[in-house]
PDB file of all heavy atoms in Angstrom:
ATOM      1  N   TYR A   1       2.782  15.303  16.283  1.00  0.00           N
ATOM      2  CA  TYR A   1       4.155  15.071  16.742  1.00  0.00           C
ATOM      3  C   TYR A   1       5.146  14.869  15.618  1.00  0.00           C
ATOM      4  O   TYR A   1       6.315  14.680  15.898  1.00  0.00           O
ATOM      5  CB  TYR A   1       4.196  13.884  17.754  1.00  0.00           C
ATOM      6  CG  TYR A   1       3.240  14.116  18.916  1.00  0.00           C
ATOM      7  CD1 TYR A   1       2.077  13.372  18.996  1.00  0.00           C
ATOM      8  CD2 TYR A   1       3.486  15.131  19.848  1.00  0.00           C
ATOM      9  CE1 TYR A   1       1.182  13.593  20.096  1.00  0.00           C
ATOM     10  CE2 TYR A   1       2.641  15.271  20.908  1.00  0.00           C
ATOM     11  CZ  TYR A   1       1.437  14.527  21.071  1.00  0.00           C
ATOM     12  OH  TYR A   1       0.602  14.712  22.059  1.00  0.00           O
ATOM     13  N   GLY A   2       4.676  14.794  14.402  1.00  0.00           N
ATOM     14  CA  GLY A   2       5.562  14.760  13.211  1.00  0.00           C
ATOM     15  C   GLY A   2       6.276  13.398  13.052  1.00  0.00           C
ATOM     16  O   GLY A   2       7.369  13.376  12.413  1.00  0.00           O
ATOM     17  N   TYR A   3       5.729  12.369  13.575  1.00  0.00           N
ATOM     18  CA  TYR A   3       6.302  11.031  13.328  1.00  0.00           C
ATOM     19  C   TYR A   3       6.193  10.643  11.840  1.00  0.00           C
ATOM     20  O   TYR A   3       5.357  11.152  11.144  1.00  0.00           O
ATOM     21  CB  TYR A   3       5.607  10.011  14.213  1.00  0.00           C
ATOM     22  CG  TYR A   3       5.699  10.232  15.648  1.00  0.00           C
ATOM     23  CD1 TYR A   3       4.648  10.133  16.519  1.00  0.00           C
ATOM     24  CD2 TYR A   3       7.005  10.483  16.284  1.00  0.00           C
ATOM     25  CE1 TYR A   3       4.783  10.317  17.945  1.00  0.00           C
ATOM     26  CE2 TYR A   3       7.072  10.730  17.628  1.00  0.00           C
ATOM     27  CZ  TYR A   3       6.023  10.594  18.425  1.00  0.00           C
ATOM     28  OH  TYR A   3       6.155  10.808  19.772  1.00  0.00           O
ATOM     29  N   SER A   4       7.034   9.709  11.456  1.00  0.00           N
ATOM     30  CA  SER A   4       6.965   9.219  10.077  1.00  0.00           C
ATOM     31  C   SER A   4       6.009   8.059  10.003  1.00  0.00           C
ATOM     32  O   SER A   4       5.998   7.104  10.815  1.00  0.00           O
ATOM     33  CB  SER A   4       8.373   8.725   9.686  1.00  0.00           C
ATOM     34  OG  SER A   4       9.278   9.763   9.697  1.00  0.00           O
ATOM     35  N   LEU A   5       5.084   8.161   9.032  1.00  0.00           N
ATOM     36  CA  LEU A   5       4.066   7.093   8.882  1.00  0.00           C
ATOM     37  C   LEU A   5       4.462   6.220   7.730  1.00  0.00           C
ATOM     38  O   LEU A   5       4.627   6.724   6.576  1.00  0.00           O
ATOM     39  CB  LEU A   5       2.703   7.710   8.636  1.00  0.00           C
ATOM     40  CG  LEU A   5       1.584   6.720   8.288  1.00  0.00           C
ATOM     41  CD1 LEU A   5       1.336   5.759   9.509  1.00  0.00           C
ATOM     42  CD2 LEU A   5       0.281   7.393   7.928  1.00  0.00           C
ATOM     43  N   SER A   6       4.540   4.923   7.952  1.00  0.00           N
ATOM     44  CA  SER A   6       4.765   3.920   6.904  1.00  0.00           C
ATOM     45  C   SER A   6       3.469   3.695   6.220  1.00  0.00           C
ATOM     46  O   SER A   6       2.529   3.110   6.913  1.00  0.00           O
ATOM     47  CB  SER A   6       5.418   2.686   7.385  1.00  0.00           C
ATOM     48  OG  SER A   6       5.543   1.756   6.419  1.00  0.00           O
ATOM     49  N   VAL A   7       3.290   4.047   4.987  1.00  0.00           N
ATOM     50  CA  VAL A   7       1.979   3.858   4.291  1.00  0.00           C
ATOM     51  C   VAL A   7       2.014   2.451   3.727  1.00  0.00           C
ATOM     52  O   VAL A   7       2.913   2.014   3.047  1.00  0.00           O
ATOM     53  CB  VAL A   7       1.880   4.798   3.130  1.00  0.00           C
ATOM     54  CG1 VAL A   7       0.565   4.597   2.344  1.00  0.00           C
ATOM     55  CG2 VAL A   7       1.865   6.227   3.734  1.00  0.00           C
ATOM     56  N   SER A   8       0.993   1.651   4.090  1.00  0.00           N
ATOM     57  CA  SER A   8       0.879   0.205   3.693  1.00  0.00           C
ATOM     58  C   SER A   8       0.355   0.170   2.233  1.00  0.00           C
ATOM     59  O   SER A   8      -0.220   1.093   1.724  1.00  0.00           O
ATOM     60  CB  SER A   8      -0.085  -0.495   4.605  1.00  0.00           C
ATOM     61  OG  SER A   8       0.496  -0.552   5.907  1.00  0.00           O
ATOM     62  N   ALA A   9       0.619  -0.957   1.634  1.00  0.00           N
ATOM     63  CA  ALA A   9       0.023  -1.235   0.308  1.00  0.00           C
ATOM     64  C   ALA A   9      -1.122  -2.239   0.528  1.00  0.00           C
ATOM     65  O   ALA A   9      -1.162  -2.983   1.444  1.00  0.00           O
ATOM     66  CB  ALA A   9       1.094  -1.971  -0.585  1.00  0.00           C
ATOM     67  N   THR A  10      -2.153  -2.114  -0.335  1.00  0.00           N
ATOM     68  CA  THR A  10      -3.307  -2.990  -0.209  1.00  0.00           C
ATOM     69  C   THR A  10      -3.949  -3.204  -1.570  1.00  0.00           C
ATOM     70  O   THR A  10      -3.739  -2.408  -2.476  1.00  0.00           O
ATOM     71  CB  THR A  10      -4.348  -2.379   0.744  1.00  0.00           C
ATOM     72  OG1 THR A  10      -5.420  -3.258   0.858  1.00  0.00           O
ATOM     73  CG2 THR A  10      -4.865  -1.038   0.191  1.00  0.00           C
ATOM     74  N   THR A  11      -4.654  -4.309  -1.641  1.00  0.00           N
ATOM     75  CA  THR A  11      -5.405  -4.599  -2.851  1.00  0.00           C
ATOM     76  C   THR A  11      -6.903  -4.196  -2.720  1.00  0.00           C
ATOM     77  O   THR A  11      -7.684  -4.394  -3.676  1.00  0.00           O
ATOM     78  CB  THR A  11      -5.388  -6.119  -3.210  1.00  0.00           C
ATOM     79  OG1 THR A  11      -5.833  -6.898  -2.164  1.00  0.00           O
ATOM     80  CG2 THR A  11      -3.871  -6.504  -3.489  1.00  0.00           C
ATOM     81  N   ARG A  12      -7.265  -3.706  -1.608  1.00  0.00           N
ATOM     82  CA  ARG A  12      -8.683  -3.275  -1.448  1.00  0.00           C
ATOM     83  C   ARG A  12      -8.956  -2.039  -2.174  1.00  0.00           C
ATOM     84  O   ARG A  12      -8.048  -1.202  -2.443  1.00  0.00           O
ATOM     85  CB  ARG A  12      -9.109  -3.210  -0.006  1.00  0.00           C
ATOM     86  CG  ARG A  12      -8.685  -1.927   0.711  1.00  0.00           C
ATOM     87  CD  ARG A  12      -9.603  -1.722   1.924  1.00  0.00           C
ATOM     88  NE  ARG A  12      -9.196  -0.581   2.764  1.00  0.00           N
ATOM     89  CZ  ARG A  12      -9.355   0.661   2.532  1.00  0.00           C
ATOM     90  NH1 ARG A  12      -9.928   1.045   1.402  1.00  0.00           N
ATOM     91  NH2 ARG A  12      -8.989   1.563   3.442  1.00  0.00           N
ATOM     92  N   ALA A  13     -10.224  -1.801  -2.575  1.00  0.00           N
ATOM     93  CA  ALA A  13     -10.631  -0.559  -3.249  1.00  0.00           C
ATOM     94  C   ALA A  13     -10.570   0.625  -2.343  1.00  0.00           C
ATOM     95  O   ALA A  13     -10.860   0.482  -1.165  1.00  0.00           O
ATOM     96  CB  ALA A  13     -12.022  -0.743  -3.811  1.00  0.00           C
ATOM     97  N   PRO A  14     -10.198   1.740  -2.865  1.00  0.00           N
ATOM     98  CA  PRO A  14     -10.173   2.972  -2.035  1.00  0.00           C
ATOM     99  C   PRO A  14     -11.586   3.381  -1.536  1.00  0.00           C
ATOM    100  O   PRO A  14     -12.568   3.242  -2.279  1.00  0.00           O
ATOM    101  CB  PRO A  14      -9.622   4.060  -3.026  1.00  0.00           C
ATOM    102  CG  PRO A  14      -8.992   3.320  -4.109  1.00  0.00           C
ATOM    103  CD  PRO A  14      -9.708   2.014  -4.250  1.00  0.00           C
ATOM    104  N   ARG A  15     -11.671   3.818  -0.318  1.00  0.00           N
ATOM    105  CA  ARG A  15     -12.970   4.380   0.185  1.00  0.00           C
ATOM    106  C   ARG A  15     -12.994   5.841  -0.257  1.00  0.00           C
ATOM    107  O   ARG A  15     -11.994   6.404  -0.692  1.00  0.00           O
ATOM    108  CB  ARG A  15     -12.976   4.254   1.728  1.00  0.00           C
ATOM    109  CG  ARG A  15     -13.003   2.845   2.246  1.00  0.00           C
ATOM    110  CD  ARG A  15     -13.158   2.798   3.817  1.00  0.00           C
ATOM    111  NE  ARG A  15     -13.118   1.435   4.289  1.00  0.00           N
ATOM    112  CZ  ARG A  15     -12.385   1.084   5.324  1.00  0.00           C
ATOM    113  NH1 ARG A  15     -11.582   1.881   6.016  1.00  0.00           N
ATOM    114  NH2 ARG A  15     -12.435  -0.206   5.738  1.00  0.00           N
ATOM    115  N   GLU A  16     -14.194   6.394  -0.149  1.00  0.00           N
ATOM    116  CA  GLU A  16     -14.405   7.790  -0.545  1.00  0.00           C
ATOM    117  C   GLU A  16     -13.431   8.696   0.167  1.00  0.00           C
ATOM    118  O   GLU A  16     -13.353   8.654   1.421  1.00  0.00           O
ATOM    119  CB  GLU A  16     -15.844   8.205  -0.286  1.00  0.00           C
ATOM    120  CG  GLU A  16     -16.165   9.644  -0.793  1.00  0.00           C
ATOM    121  CD  GLU A  16     -17.629  10.024  -0.544  1.00  0.00           C
ATOM    122  OE1 GLU A  16     -18.407   9.090  -0.127  1.00  0.00           O
ATOM    123  OE2 GLU A  16     -17.948  11.188  -0.850  1.00  0.00           O
ATOM    124  N   GLY A  17     -12.750   9.519  -0.594  1.00  0.00           N
ATOM    125  CA  GLY A  17     -11.835  10.463   0.032  1.00  0.00           C
ATOM    126  C   GLY A  17     -10.422   9.995   0.168  1.00  0.00           C
ATOM    127  O   GLY A  17      -9.460  10.779   0.414  1.00  0.00           O
ATOM    128  N   GLU A  18     -10.142   8.623  -0.022  1.00  0.00           N
ATOM    129  CA  GLU A  18      -8.820   8.138   0.166  1.00  0.00           C
ATOM    130  C   GLU A  18      -8.028   8.433  -1.131  1.00  0.00           C
ATOM    131  O   GLU A  18      -8.530   8.351  -2.230  1.00  0.00           O
ATOM    132  CB  GLU A  18      -8.865   6.647   0.421  1.00  0.00           C
ATOM    133  CG  GLU A  18      -9.375   6.346   1.841  1.00  0.00           C
ATOM    134  CD  GLU A  18      -9.385   4.796   2.165  1.00  0.00           C
ATOM    135  OE1 GLU A  18      -9.421   4.002   1.202  1.00  0.00           O
ATOM    136  OE2 GLU A  18      -9.265   4.469   3.371  1.00  0.00           O
ATOM    137  N   VAL A  19      -6.748   8.678  -0.851  1.00  0.00           N
ATOM    138  CA  VAL A  19      -5.816   9.025  -1.999  1.00  0.00           C
ATOM    139  C   VAL A  19      -4.656   8.049  -2.035  1.00  0.00           C
ATOM    140  O   VAL A  19      -4.067   7.716  -1.020  1.00  0.00           O
ATOM    141  CB  VAL A  19      -5.276  10.454  -1.824  1.00  0.00           C
ATOM    142  CG1 VAL A  19      -4.303  10.789  -2.930  1.00  0.00           C
ATOM    143  CG2 VAL A  19      -6.423  11.511  -1.819  1.00  0.00           C
ATOM    144  N   ASP A  20      -4.323   7.578  -3.218  1.00  0.00           N
ATOM    145  CA  ASP A  20      -3.229   6.675  -3.375  1.00  0.00           C
ATOM    146  C   ASP A  20      -1.909   7.314  -2.945  1.00  0.00           C
ATOM    147  O   ASP A  20      -1.575   8.435  -3.330  1.00  0.00           O
ATOM    148  CB  ASP A  20      -3.106   6.265  -4.911  1.00  0.00           C
ATOM    149  CG  ASP A  20      -2.016   5.257  -5.130  1.00  0.00           C
ATOM    150  OD1 ASP A  20      -2.027   4.225  -4.403  1.00  0.00           O
ATOM    151  OD2 ASP A  20      -1.124   5.462  -6.051  1.00  0.00           O
ATOM    152  N   GLY A  21      -1.195   6.598  -2.076  1.00  0.00           N
ATOM    153  CA  GLY A  21       0.064   7.109  -1.477  1.00  0.00           C
ATOM    154  C   GLY A  21      -0.133   7.888  -0.215  1.00  0.00           C
ATOM    155  O   GLY A  21       0.862   8.195   0.461  1.00  0.00           O
ATOM    156  N   ARG A  22      -1.356   8.174   0.158  1.00  0.00           N
ATOM    157  CA  ARG A  22      -1.617   8.862   1.404  1.00  0.00           C
ATOM    158  C   ARG A  22      -2.186   7.919   2.422  1.00  0.00           C
ATOM    159  O   ARG A  22      -1.454   7.564   3.422  1.00  0.00           O
ATOM    160  CB  ARG A  22      -2.561   9.999   1.264  1.00  0.00           C
ATOM    161  CG  ARG A  22      -2.711  10.860   2.486  1.00  0.00           C
ATOM    162  CD  ARG A  22      -3.627  12.034   2.238  1.00  0.00           C
ATOM    163  NE  ARG A  22      -5.057  11.583   2.038  1.00  0.00           N
ATOM    164  CZ  ARG A  22      -6.047  12.381   1.666  1.00  0.00           C
ATOM    165  NH1 ARG A  22      -5.808  13.650   1.427  1.00  0.00           N
ATOM    166  NH2 ARG A  22      -7.292  11.902   1.510  1.00  0.00           N
ATOM    167  N   GLU A  23      -3.334   7.379   2.217  1.00  0.00           N
ATOM    168  CA  GLU A  23      -3.912   6.387   3.114  1.00  0.00           C
ATOM    169  C   GLU A  23      -3.269   4.958   2.915  1.00  0.00           C
ATOM    170  O   GLU A  23      -2.886   4.251   3.809  1.00  0.00           O
ATOM    171  CB  GLU A  23      -5.415   6.205   2.963  1.00  0.00           C
ATOM    172  CG  GLU A  23      -6.203   7.325   3.622  1.00  0.00           C
ATOM    173  CD  GLU A  23      -6.261   8.601   2.883  1.00  0.00           C
ATOM    174  OE1 GLU A  23      -5.903   8.597   1.667  1.00  0.00           O
ATOM    175  OE2 GLU A  23      -6.600   9.663   3.384  1.00  0.00           O
ATOM    176  N   TYR A  24      -3.156   4.600   1.602  1.00  0.00           N
ATOM    177  CA  TYR A  24      -2.569   3.357   1.155  1.00  0.00           C
ATOM    178  C   TYR A  24      -1.970   3.552  -0.227  1.00  0.00           C
ATOM    179  O   TYR A  24      -2.268   4.486  -0.944  1.00  0.00           O
ATOM    180  CB  TYR A  24      -3.576   2.253   1.085  1.00  0.00           C
ATOM    181  CG  TYR A  24      -4.128   1.670   2.364  1.00  0.00           C
ATOM    182  CD1 TYR A  24      -5.281   2.156   2.896  1.00  0.00           C
ATOM    183  CD2 TYR A  24      -3.489   0.679   3.047  1.00  0.00           C
ATOM    184  CE1 TYR A  24      -5.813   1.694   4.162  1.00  0.00           C
ATOM    185  CE2 TYR A  24      -3.924   0.171   4.249  1.00  0.00           C
ATOM    186  CZ  TYR A  24      -5.071   0.649   4.802  1.00  0.00           C
ATOM    187  OH  TYR A  24      -5.600   0.197   5.924  1.00  0.00           O
ATOM    188  N   TYR A  25      -1.052   2.622  -0.570  1.00  0.00           N
ATOM    189  CA  TYR A  25      -0.700   2.422  -1.953  1.00  0.00           C
ATOM    190  C   TYR A  25      -1.639   1.358  -2.502  1.00  0.00           C
ATOM    191  O   TYR A  25      -1.591   0.211  -2.089  1.00  0.00           O
ATOM    192  CB  TYR A  25       0.742   1.930  -2.104  1.00  0.00           C
ATOM    193  CG  TYR A  25       1.760   2.994  -1.646  1.00  0.00           C
ATOM    194  CD1 TYR A  25       2.537   2.817  -0.511  1.00  0.00           C
ATOM    195  CD2 TYR A  25       1.979   4.130  -2.423  1.00  0.00           C
ATOM    196  CE1 TYR A  25       3.469   3.744  -0.102  1.00  0.00           C
ATOM    197  CE2 TYR A  25       2.877   5.095  -2.068  1.00  0.00           C
ATOM    198  CZ  TYR A  25       3.606   4.884  -0.859  1.00  0.00           C
ATOM    199  OH  TYR A  25       4.582   5.850  -0.461  1.00  0.00           O
ATOM    200  N   PHE A  26      -2.531   1.786  -3.334  1.00  0.00           N
ATOM    201  CA  PHE A  26      -3.566   0.848  -3.864  1.00  0.00           C
ATOM    202  C   PHE A  26      -2.991   0.023  -5.058  1.00  0.00           C
ATOM    203  O   PHE A  26      -2.515   0.610  -6.062  1.00  0.00           O
ATOM    204  CB  PHE A  26      -4.849   1.576  -4.239  1.00  0.00           C
ATOM    205  CG  PHE A  26      -5.492   2.224  -3.104  1.00  0.00           C
ATOM    206  CD1 PHE A  26      -5.323   3.587  -2.844  1.00  0.00           C
ATOM    207  CD2 PHE A  26      -6.257   1.448  -2.203  1.00  0.00           C
ATOM    208  CE1 PHE A  26      -5.932   4.158  -1.652  1.00  0.00           C
ATOM    209  CE2 PHE A  26      -6.854   2.057  -1.103  1.00  0.00           C
ATOM    210  CZ  PHE A  26      -6.703   3.372  -0.844  1.00  0.00           C
ATOM    211  N   LYS A  27      -2.937  -1.316  -4.926  1.00  0.00           N
ATOM    212  CA  LYS A  27      -2.339  -2.161  -5.878  1.00  0.00           C
ATOM    213  C   LYS A  27      -3.389  -3.218  -6.417  1.00  0.00           C
ATOM    214  O   LYS A  27      -4.256  -3.602  -5.655  1.00  0.00           O
ATOM    215  CB  LYS A  27      -1.099  -2.919  -5.271  1.00  0.00           C
ATOM    216  CG  LYS A  27      -0.017  -2.065  -4.637  1.00  0.00           C
ATOM    217  CD  LYS A  27       0.743  -1.354  -5.677  1.00  0.00           C
ATOM    218  CE  LYS A  27       1.893  -0.549  -5.009  1.00  0.00           C
ATOM    219  NZ  LYS A  27       2.614   0.270  -6.007  1.00  0.00           N
ATOM    220  N   THR A  28      -3.080  -3.707  -7.615  1.00  0.00           N
ATOM    221  CA  THR A  28      -3.790  -4.830  -8.027  1.00  0.00           C
ATOM    222  C   THR A  28      -3.232  -6.053  -7.356  1.00  0.00           C
ATOM    223  O   THR A  28      -2.070  -5.970  -6.799  1.00  0.00           O
ATOM    224  CB  THR A  28      -3.721  -5.042  -9.637  1.00  0.00           C
ATOM    225  OG1 THR A  28      -2.343  -5.344  -9.908  1.00  0.00           O
ATOM    226  CG2 THR A  28      -4.104  -3.768 -10.336  1.00  0.00           C
ATOM    227  N   THR A  29      -3.916  -7.168  -7.397  1.00  0.00           N
ATOM    228  CA  THR A  29      -3.364  -8.342  -6.778  1.00  0.00           C
ATOM    229  C   THR A  29      -2.113  -8.829  -7.417  1.00  0.00           C
ATOM    230  O   THR A  29      -1.175  -9.169  -6.770  1.00  0.00           O
ATOM    231  CB  THR A  29      -4.455  -9.526  -6.916  1.00  0.00           C
ATOM    232  OG1 THR A  29      -5.581  -9.124  -6.224  1.00  0.00           O
ATOM    233  CG2 THR A  29      -3.895 -10.814  -6.283  1.00  0.00           C
ATOM    234  N   ASP A  30      -2.028  -8.646  -8.768  1.00  0.00           N
ATOM    235  CA  ASP A  30      -0.747  -9.065  -9.441  1.00  0.00           C
ATOM    236  C   ASP A  30       0.409  -8.196  -9.029  1.00  0.00           C
ATOM    237  O   ASP A  30       1.510  -8.646  -8.825  1.00  0.00           O
ATOM    238  CB  ASP A  30      -0.964  -9.008 -10.969  1.00  0.00           C
ATOM    239  CG  ASP A  30      -1.840 -10.095 -11.479  1.00  0.00           C
ATOM    240  OD1 ASP A  30      -1.976 -11.148 -10.775  1.00  0.00           O
ATOM    241  OD2 ASP A  30      -2.288 -10.012 -12.683  1.00  0.00           O
ATOM    242  N   GLU A  31       0.130  -6.864  -8.915  1.00  0.00           N
ATOM    243  CA  GLU A  31       1.184  -5.946  -8.523  1.00  0.00           C
ATOM    244  C   GLU A  31       1.655  -6.245  -7.078  1.00  0.00           C
ATOM    245  O   GLU A  31       2.888  -6.275  -6.819  1.00  0.00           O
ATOM    246  CB  GLU A  31       0.696  -4.498  -8.557  1.00  0.00           C
ATOM    247  CG  GLU A  31       0.455  -3.950  -9.960  1.00  0.00           C
ATOM    248  CD  GLU A  31      -0.236  -2.604  -9.997  1.00  0.00           C
ATOM    249  OE1 GLU A  31      -0.903  -2.279  -8.974  1.00  0.00           O
ATOM    250  OE2 GLU A  31      -0.093  -1.872 -10.974  1.00  0.00           O
ATOM    251  N   PHE A  32       0.742  -6.514  -6.251  1.00  0.00           N
ATOM    252  CA  PHE A  32       1.059  -6.837  -4.815  1.00  0.00           C
ATOM    253  C   PHE A  32       1.928  -8.096  -4.779  1.00  0.00           C
ATOM    254  O   PHE A  32       2.977  -8.121  -4.098  1.00  0.00           O
ATOM    255  CB  PHE A  32      -0.204  -7.002  -4.032  1.00  0.00           C
ATOM    256  CG  PHE A  32       0.061  -7.039  -2.527  1.00  0.00           C
ATOM    257  CD1 PHE A  32      -0.114  -5.956  -1.772  1.00  0.00           C
ATOM    258  CD2 PHE A  32       0.416  -8.200  -1.924  1.00  0.00           C
ATOM    259  CE1 PHE A  32       0.155  -6.016  -0.386  1.00  0.00           C
ATOM    260  CE2 PHE A  32       0.635  -8.321  -0.594  1.00  0.00           C
ATOM    261  CZ  PHE A  32       0.538  -7.164   0.223  1.00  0.00           C
ATOM    262  N   LEU A  33       1.502  -9.141  -5.391  1.00  0.00           N
ATOM    263  CA  LEU A  33       2.205 -10.415  -5.296  1.00  0.00           C
ATOM    264  C   LEU A  33       3.598 -10.329  -5.955  1.00  0.00           C
ATOM    265  O   LEU A  33       4.529 -11.036  -5.560  1.00  0.00           O
ATOM    266  CB  LEU A  33       1.338 -11.577  -5.932  1.00  0.00           C
ATOM    267  CG  LEU A  33       0.044 -11.806  -5.154  1.00  0.00           C
ATOM    268  CD1 LEU A  33      -0.708 -12.916  -5.851  1.00  0.00           C
ATOM    269  CD2 LEU A  33       0.341 -12.258  -3.740  1.00  0.00           C
ATOM    270  N   SER A  34       3.725  -9.473  -6.931  1.00  0.00           N
ATOM    271  CA  SER A  34       5.017  -9.242  -7.491  1.00  0.00           C
ATOM    272  C   SER A  34       5.996  -8.634  -6.524  1.00  0.00           C
ATOM    273  O   SER A  34       7.174  -9.021  -6.448  1.00  0.00           O
ATOM    274  CB  SER A  34       4.895  -8.269  -8.762  1.00  0.00           C
ATOM    275  OG  SER A  34       6.151  -8.051  -9.349  1.00  0.00           O
ATOM    276  N   LEU A  35       5.500  -7.695  -5.745  1.00  0.00           N
ATOM    277  CA  LEU A  35       6.365  -7.091  -4.677  1.00  0.00           C
ATOM    278  C   LEU A  35       6.687  -8.136  -3.640  1.00  0.00           C
ATOM    279  O   LEU A  35       7.801  -8.115  -3.049  1.00  0.00           O
ATOM    280  CB  LEU A  35       5.644  -5.936  -4.044  1.00  0.00           C
ATOM    281  CG  LEU A  35       5.568  -4.611  -4.890  1.00  0.00           C
ATOM    282  CD1 LEU A  35       4.634  -3.632  -4.287  1.00  0.00           C
ATOM    283  CD2 LEU A  35       7.005  -4.042  -5.000  1.00  0.00           C
ATOM    284  N   VAL A  36       5.763  -9.028  -3.402  1.00  0.00           N
ATOM    285  CA  VAL A  36       6.027 -10.142  -2.448  1.00  0.00           C
ATOM    286  C   VAL A  36       7.248 -10.927  -2.906  1.00  0.00           C
ATOM    287  O   VAL A  36       8.161 -11.308  -2.166  1.00  0.00           O
ATOM    288  CB  VAL A  36       4.858 -11.029  -2.169  1.00  0.00           C
ATOM    289  CG1 VAL A  36       5.198 -12.330  -1.381  1.00  0.00           C
ATOM    290  CG2 VAL A  36       3.739 -10.302  -1.429  1.00  0.00           C
ATOM    291  N   ASP A  37       7.241 -11.301  -4.168  1.00  0.00           N
ATOM    292  CA  ASP A  37       8.309 -12.074  -4.799  1.00  0.00           C
ATOM    293  C   ASP A  37       9.646 -11.370  -4.722  1.00  0.00           C
ATOM    294  O   ASP A  37      10.657 -12.061  -4.625  1.00  0.00           O
ATOM    295  CB  ASP A  37       7.928 -12.399  -6.281  1.00  0.00           C
ATOM    296  CG  ASP A  37       6.731 -13.368  -6.419  1.00  0.00           C
ATOM    297  OD1 ASP A  37       6.457 -14.021  -5.449  1.00  0.00           O
ATOM    298  OD2 ASP A  37       6.094 -13.346  -7.522  1.00  0.00           O
ATOM    299  N   TYR A  38       9.654 -10.091  -4.745  1.00  0.00           N
ATOM    300  CA  TYR A  38      10.914  -9.291  -4.746  1.00  0.00           C
ATOM    301  C   TYR A  38      11.300  -8.906  -3.360  1.00  0.00           C
ATOM    302  O   TYR A  38      12.174  -8.070  -3.148  1.00  0.00           O
ATOM    303  CB  TYR A  38      10.765  -8.128  -5.627  1.00  0.00           C
ATOM    304  CG  TYR A  38      10.941  -8.416  -7.103  1.00  0.00           C
ATOM    305  CD1 TYR A  38       9.803  -8.538  -7.913  1.00  0.00           C
ATOM    306  CD2 TYR A  38      12.214  -8.510  -7.690  1.00  0.00           C
ATOM    307  CE1 TYR A  38       9.952  -8.914  -9.258  1.00  0.00           C
ATOM    308  CE2 TYR A  38      12.339  -8.831  -9.038  1.00  0.00           C
ATOM    309  CZ  TYR A  38      11.201  -8.951  -9.855  1.00  0.00           C
ATOM    310  OH  TYR A  38      11.318  -9.242 -11.162  1.00  0.00           O
ATOM    311  N   ASN A  39      10.657  -9.489  -2.323  1.00  0.00           N
ATOM    312  CA  ASN A  39      10.929  -9.168  -0.916  1.00  0.00           C
ATOM    313  C   ASN A  39      10.738  -7.687  -0.639  1.00  0.00           C
ATOM    314  O   ASN A  39      11.515  -7.096   0.199  1.00  0.00           O
ATOM    315  CB  ASN A  39      12.405  -9.636  -0.569  1.00  0.00           C
ATOM    316  CG  ASN A  39      12.618  -9.737   0.931  1.00  0.00           C
ATOM    317  OD1 ASN A  39      11.695 -10.095   1.676  1.00  0.00           O
ATOM    318  ND2 ASN A  39      13.837  -9.489   1.373  1.00  0.00           N
ATOM    319  N   GLY A  40       9.748  -7.085  -1.208  1.00  0.00           N
ATOM    320  CA  GLY A  40       9.508  -5.671  -1.037  1.00  0.00           C
ATOM    321  C   GLY A  40       8.799  -5.344   0.214  1.00  0.00           C
ATOM    322  O   GLY A  40       8.573  -4.123   0.461  1.00  0.00           O
ATOM    323  N   PHE A  41       8.324  -6.330   0.977  1.00  0.00           N
ATOM    324  CA  PHE A  41       7.546  -6.058   2.197  1.00  0.00           C
ATOM    325  C   PHE A  41       8.285  -6.561   3.422  1.00  0.00           C
ATOM    326  O   PHE A  41       8.824  -7.684   3.350  1.00  0.00           O
ATOM    327  CB  PHE A  41       6.179  -6.644   2.149  1.00  0.00           C
ATOM    328  CG  PHE A  41       5.277  -6.121   1.052  1.00  0.00           C
ATOM    329  CD1 PHE A  41       4.800  -6.972   0.073  1.00  0.00           C
ATOM    330  CD2 PHE A  41       4.925  -4.785   1.032  1.00  0.00           C
ATOM    331  CE1 PHE A  41       4.036  -6.398  -0.978  1.00  0.00           C
ATOM    332  CE2 PHE A  41       4.149  -4.288   0.085  1.00  0.00           C
ATOM    333  CZ  PHE A  41       3.656  -5.078  -0.965  1.00  0.00           C
ATOM    334  N   ILE A  42       8.203  -5.807   4.489  1.00  0.00           N
ATOM    335  CA  ILE A  42       8.667  -6.384   5.810  1.00  0.00           C
ATOM    336  C   ILE A  42       7.726  -7.468   6.270  1.00  0.00           C
ATOM    337  O   ILE A  42       8.138  -8.513   6.788  1.00  0.00           O
ATOM    338  CB  ILE A  42       8.727  -5.238   6.806  1.00  0.00           C
ATOM    339  CG1 ILE A  42       9.797  -4.227   6.510  1.00  0.00           C
ATOM    340  CG2 ILE A  42       9.027  -5.828   8.276  1.00  0.00           C
ATOM    341  CD1 ILE A  42       9.758  -2.991   7.409  1.00  0.00           C
ATOM    342  N   GLU A  43       6.444  -7.224   6.046  1.00  0.00           N
ATOM    343  CA  GLU A  43       5.387  -8.209   6.376  1.00  0.00           C
ATOM    344  C   GLU A  43       4.211  -7.980   5.451  1.00  0.00           C
ATOM    345  O   GLU A  43       4.009  -6.891   4.949  1.00  0.00           O
ATOM    346  CB  GLU A  43       4.971  -8.105   7.871  1.00  0.00           C
ATOM    347  CG  GLU A  43       4.432  -6.712   8.249  1.00  0.00           C
ATOM    348  CD  GLU A  43       2.992  -6.469   7.862  1.00  0.00           C
ATOM    349  OE1 GLU A  43       2.238  -7.472   7.833  1.00  0.00           O
ATOM    350  OE2 GLU A  43       2.647  -5.326   7.549  1.00  0.00           O
TER     351      GLU A  43
END
């Protein structure tokens, strides 16, 4: 149906076949918490 998918960010390791920016934005814990500090997440 062509809906827009909001790709989440996560600190978990990619599973086999997963691509950064497609299934998730894979972040280190420091990178993730930095975005939290900058109000970069809705939740």
